[in-house]
Amino acid sequence: MKRIGLLSDTHAFWDEKYLKYFESCDEIWHAGDIGSLEVAERLAAFRPLRAVYGNIDGQDIRQRYPQTLRFTIEKAEIVMKHIGGYPGRYDKSIAPILLVRPPKLFISGHSHILKVMYDKTLGILHINPGAAGNYGFHKVRTLVRFSIKEDHFEDLEIIELSDKKGG
């Protein structure tokens, strides 16, 4: 079993609470719009980091992290892409990948809207962890934690950090 800490849309914002809430995690996954290499490096120094770049990320981040990441952990195949949409409304840039070979879990960011949905048609769990940074229209910053056991997901937790002004 692997415990995962998931975040997105930090937009170069750092919060020490990331480390507090990801203490029990084996890996950290960042679904794009990291905003600075410093944020990525601080996360990677704490736990192994898997990340994709987002639309606001510069060349330094784009050279280090891919636009789309497909990997298997435990026995579950994962696809992560910053701009991805959600079940029934997948972005045209990812839909063919999901339709041809659906993973068990699809992770995206970008919208700043926390969503956990199951795509019954493709058999895919979709998670968008919302936004962990303080830039954007969202009112509450969020993180997600969950466990992967073989090819299924357990113990999903949504963590509200604070409003954007509260740090």
Protein backbone atom coordinates (compact mmCIF):
# COMPACT_ATOMS: atom_id res chain seq x y z
CA MET A 1 0.00 0.00 0.00
CA LYS A 2 1.18 3.52 -0.86
CA ARG A 3 -0.02 6.72 0.74
CA ILE A 4 -0.21 9.70 -1.66
CA GLY A 5 -0.32 13.44 -1.03
CA LEU A 6 -1.84 15.31 -3.97
CA LEU A 7 -1.89 19.03 -4.73
CA SER A 8 -2.15 21.40 -7.65
CA ASP A 9 -2.01 25.05 -8.59
CA THR A 10 0.46 26.27 -5.99
CA HIS A 11 1.43 29.16 -8.31
CA ALA A 12 4.81 29.54 -6.53
CA PHE A 13 3.12 29.77 -3.10
CA TRP A 14 4.72 27.78 -0.28
CA ASP A 15 2.97 26.70 2.90
CA GLU A 16 4.72 24.68 5.62
CA LYS A 17 1.40 22.89 6.10
CA TYR A 18 2.15 20.93 2.93
CA LEU A 19 4.83 19.08 4.89
CA LYS A 20 2.62 18.64 7.95
CA TYR A 21 -0.22 17.07 5.99
CA PHE A 22 2.04 15.00 3.75
CA GLU A 23 4.13 13.61 6.63
CA SER A 24 2.31 10.25 6.45
CA CYS A 25 2.66 10.04 2.65
CA ASP A 26 5.07 7.91 0.67
CA GLU A 27 4.94 10.19 -2.38
CA ILE A 28 3.73 13.67 -3.32
CA TRP A 29 2.05 14.32 -6.66
CA HIS A 30 1.67 17.83 -8.10
CA ALA A 31 -0.88 18.28 -10.91
CA GLY A 32 0.68 21.39 -12.44
CA ASP A 33 0.93 25.16 -12.19
CA ILE A 34 3.76 24.66 -9.75
CA GLY A 35 4.90 28.22 -10.39
CA SER A 36 8.52 27.93 -9.27
CA LEU A 37 11.28 25.36 -9.11
CA GLU A 38 11.73 26.25 -5.44
CA VAL A 39 8.29 24.84 -4.60
CA ALA A 40 9.00 21.64 -6.57
CA GLU A 41 12.44 21.25 -5.00
CA ARG A 42 11.11 21.73 -1.46
CA LEU A 43 8.44 19.08 -2.04
CA ALA A 44 10.96 16.72 -3.67
CA ALA A 45 13.38 17.15 -0.77
CA PHE A 46 10.63 16.01 1.61
CA ARG A 47 9.17 13.04 -0.32
CA PRO A 48 9.55 11.58 -3.82
CA LEU A 49 7.73 13.94 -6.19
CA ARG A 50 5.83 13.13 -9.37
CA ALA A 51 4.66 16.24 -11.21
CA VAL A 52 3.44 17.64 -14.50
CA TYR A 53 3.81 21.17 -15.73
CA GLY A 54 0.86 23.52 -16.08
CA ASN A 55 0.01 26.39 -18.38
CA ILE A 56 1.69 29.03 -16.15
CA ASP A 57 4.92 27.09 -15.67
CA GLY A 58 8.08 28.39 -17.32
CA GLN A 59 10.75 26.55 -19.28
CA ASP A 60 12.69 25.61 -16.13
CA ILE A 61 9.75 23.53 -14.88
CA ARG A 62 8.80 22.28 -18.35
CA GLN A 63 12.30 20.91 -18.84
CA ARG A 64 12.10 18.97 -15.57
CA TYR A 65 8.49 17.72 -15.63
CA PRO A 66 6.35 16.40 -18.51
CA GLN A 67 2.99 17.70 -19.70
CA THR A 68 1.41 14.27 -19.26
CA LEU A 69 2.56 11.53 -16.94
CA ARG A 70 1.43 7.89 -17.13
CA PHE A 71 2.75 5.43 -14.58
CA THR A 72 1.79 2.40 -12.52
CA ILE A 73 1.97 2.29 -8.75
CA GLU A 74 1.00 -0.82 -6.85
CA LYS A 75 -1.19 -2.33 -9.63
CA ALA A 76 -3.03 0.86 -10.54
CA GLU A 77 -2.31 2.79 -13.72
CA ILE A 78 -2.37 6.57 -13.27
CA VAL A 79 -2.53 9.41 -15.80
CA MET A 80 -1.86 12.98 -14.69
CA LYS A 81 -2.17 16.15 -16.80
CA HIS A 82 -2.76 19.72 -15.68
CA ILE A 83 -5.52 20.64 -18.13
CA GLY A 84 -7.72 17.59 -18.36
CA GLY A 85 -11.36 18.37 -17.72
CA TYR A 86 -13.47 15.79 -15.94
CA PRO A 87 -15.77 12.85 -16.71
CA GLY A 88 -18.16 13.72 -19.48
CA ARG A 89 -16.11 16.81 -20.35
CA TYR A 90 -12.50 15.68 -20.83
CA ASP A 91 -10.23 18.17 -22.53
CA LYS A 92 -9.62 17.32 -26.19
CA SER A 93 -5.88 17.08 -25.47
CA ILE A 94 -6.33 14.10 -23.11
CA ALA A 95 -9.60 12.44 -24.21
CA PRO A 96 -8.02 10.15 -26.85
CA ILE A 97 -5.48 8.87 -24.32
CA LEU A 98 -8.19 8.11 -21.77
CA LEU A 99 -10.52 6.50 -24.34
CA VAL A 100 -7.92 4.24 -25.96
CA ARG A 101 -6.39 2.91 -22.73
CA PRO A 102 -8.29 4.08 -19.65
CA PRO A 103 -6.21 4.24 -16.47
CA LYS A 104 -7.64 3.45 -13.04
CA LEU A 105 -7.06 7.07 -11.93
CA PHE A 106 -6.95 10.33 -13.86
CA ILE A 107 -5.65 13.42 -12.07
CA SER A 108 -5.90 16.98 -13.33
CA GLY A 109 -5.72 20.49 -11.94
CA HIS A 110 -6.20 23.88 -13.59
CA SER A 111 -9.80 24.65 -12.62
CA HIS A 112 -9.01 25.40 -8.94
CA ILE A 113 -12.19 23.42 -8.23
CA LEU A 114 -11.87 20.38 -6.00
CA LYS A 115 -13.61 17.41 -7.63
CA VAL A 116 -13.65 13.69 -7.01
CA MET A 117 -15.78 11.89 -9.60
CA TYR A 118 -16.13 8.40 -10.96
CA ASP A 119 -16.47 7.92 -14.71
CA LYS A 120 -18.79 4.91 -14.95
CA THR A 121 -18.40 4.70 -18.73
CA LEU A 122 -14.61 4.31 -18.69
CA GLY A 123 -14.18 2.96 -15.16
CA ILE A 124 -11.87 5.83 -14.16
CA LEU A 125 -11.67 7.62 -10.83
CA HIS A 126 -11.00 11.31 -11.45
CA ILE A 127 -9.45 13.62 -8.85
CA ASN A 128 -8.81 17.34 -9.13
CA PRO A 129 -7.32 18.44 -5.78
CA GLY A 130 -8.39 22.07 -6.21
CA ALA A 131 -5.77 24.75 -5.58
CA ALA A 132 -3.16 24.76 -2.82
CA GLY A 133 -1.81 28.22 -3.66
CA ASN A 134 -3.18 31.67 -2.97
CA TYR A 135 -3.60 32.87 -6.57
CA GLY A 136 -6.98 32.52 -8.30
CA PHE A 137 -10.68 32.77 -7.60
CA HIS A 138 -10.95 29.86 -5.12
CA LYS A 139 -11.76 30.80 -1.54
CA VAL A 140 -10.30 27.80 0.30
CA ARG A 141 -6.95 26.14 -0.41
CA THR A 142 -7.12 22.35 -0.58
CA LEU A 143 -4.99 19.20 -0.62
CA VAL A 144 -5.96 15.55 -1.04
CA ARG A 145 -4.54 12.44 0.58
CA PHE A 146 -5.38 8.85 -0.30
CA SER A 147 -4.00 5.32 -0.31
CA ILE A 148 -3.46 2.95 -3.20
CA LYS A 149 -3.77 -0.73 -2.37
CA GLU A 150 -3.14 -2.99 -5.34
CA ASP A 151 -5.46 -1.51 -7.98
CA HIS A 152 -7.93 0.40 -5.82
CA PHE A 153 -8.03 3.59 -3.79
CA GLU A 154 -8.85 3.98 -0.11
CA ASP A 155 -8.99 6.49 2.72
CA LEU A 156 -9.42 9.55 0.52
CA GLU A 157 -9.19 12.72 2.58
CA ILE A 158 -9.85 16.30 1.56
CA ILE A 159 -7.82 18.79 3.56
CA GLU A 160 -8.85 22.42 3.75
CA LEU A 161 -5.78 24.48 4.61
CA SER A 162 -7.37 27.89 5.12
CA ASP A 163 -8.74 30.73 3.11
CA LYS A 164 -6.23 32.47 0.87
CA LYS A 165 -5.67 35.33 3.30
CA GLY A 166 -5.10 33.03 6.26
CA GLY A 167 -1.91 31.55 4.88
